[in-house]
Amino acid sequence: MTGTLLLSLPQLSHSQKLPIKLSQGLQKVSFPVMSFTEEDCVKPWWPQGYGKPNLYTVKVISININLLNNRLL
């Protein structure tokens, strides 16, 4: 089954659509790197002990994919 995942970072008003193809069984999906400009005001995430960990929420929404009880129909 094919479909689309919508990846979004609400705090930064960024989103990206990712076409995917699923089949039965365990699936691995890789997300592309999102690019940002200085205008986006993205604060870097620092490893423990090197600075404040600026965290961002990532929303993943499935579009046109039929799922029931976490099983592909």
Protein backbone atom coordinates (compact mmCIF):
# COMPACT_ATOMS: atom_id res chain seq x y z
CA MET A 1 0.00 0.00 0.00
CA THR A 2 1.26 3.45 -0.77
CA GLY A 3 0.53 6.66 1.04
CA THR A 4 2.00 9.84 2.39
CA LEU A 5 3.41 10.87 5.74
CA LEU A 6 3.26 14.52 6.70
CA LEU A 7 6.19 15.55 8.91
CA SER A 8 5.84 18.87 10.67
CA LEU A 9 7.65 20.99 13.23
CA PRO A 10 4.84 23.16 14.63
CA GLN A 11 7.15 25.56 16.51
CA LEU A 12 8.94 26.43 13.26
CA SER A 13 5.94 26.31 10.90
CA HIS A 14 7.79 23.76 8.73
CA SER A 15 6.28 20.71 7.10
CA GLN A 16 7.29 18.17 4.50
CA LYS A 17 5.39 15.38 2.73
CA LEU A 18 7.07 12.01 2.41
CA PRO A 19 5.67 9.38 0.01
CA ILE A 20 5.94 5.86 1.42
CA LYS A 21 5.21 2.33 0.28
CA LEU A 22 4.20 -0.25 2.90
CA SER A 23 3.82 -4.00 2.82
CA GLN A 24 2.98 -6.52 5.53
CA GLY A 25 5.52 -7.04 8.28
CA LEU A 26 8.01 -4.80 10.01
CA GLN A 27 8.79 -1.62 8.07
CA LYS A 28 11.69 0.79 8.30
CA VAL A 29 11.06 4.38 7.19
CA SER A 30 13.89 6.90 6.92
CA PHE A 31 13.07 10.57 7.28
CA PRO A 32 14.92 13.11 5.15
CA VAL A 33 16.97 15.89 6.70
CA MET A 34 15.05 19.15 6.86
CA SER A 35 16.98 22.26 5.89
CA PHE A 36 16.59 25.54 7.72
CA THR A 37 17.78 29.09 7.19
CA GLU A 38 18.88 31.72 9.69
CA GLU A 39 15.43 33.28 9.33
CA ASP A 40 13.90 30.15 10.89
CA CYS A 41 15.67 30.95 14.19
CA VAL A 42 16.45 27.29 14.91
CA LYS A 43 18.31 26.85 18.17
CA PRO A 44 20.85 23.98 18.05
CA TRP A 45 20.60 20.95 20.29
CA TRP A 46 23.72 20.43 22.36
CA PRO A 47 24.96 17.13 23.83
CA GLN A 48 24.69 16.67 27.59
CA GLY A 49 27.01 19.01 29.45
CA TYR A 50 27.59 21.36 26.49
CA GLY A 51 24.52 23.57 26.69
CA LYS A 52 20.73 23.71 26.90
CA PRO A 53 18.95 20.95 24.93
CA ASN A 54 16.57 22.99 22.76
CA LEU A 55 13.80 20.51 21.98
CA TYR A 56 11.27 20.62 19.15
CA THR A 57 8.07 18.67 18.71
CA VAL A 58 7.82 16.57 15.53
CA LYS A 59 4.34 15.57 14.34
CA VAL A 60 3.97 12.62 11.96
CA ILE A 61 0.56 12.28 10.33
CA SER A 62 -0.43 9.52 7.92
CA ILE A 63 -2.40 10.56 4.85
CA ASN A 64 -4.21 8.04 2.62
CA ILE A 65 -2.99 5.02 4.60
CA ASN A 66 -5.60 2.67 6.05
CA LEU A 67 -4.51 1.36 9.45
CA LEU A 68 -6.66 -0.63 11.88
CA ASN A 69 -5.26 -1.76 15.24
CA ASN A 70 -1.76 -0.94 13.96
CA ARG A 71 -2.18 -3.45 11.13
CA LEU A 72 -2.05 -2.67 7.44
CA LEU A 73 -5.34 -3.37 5.64
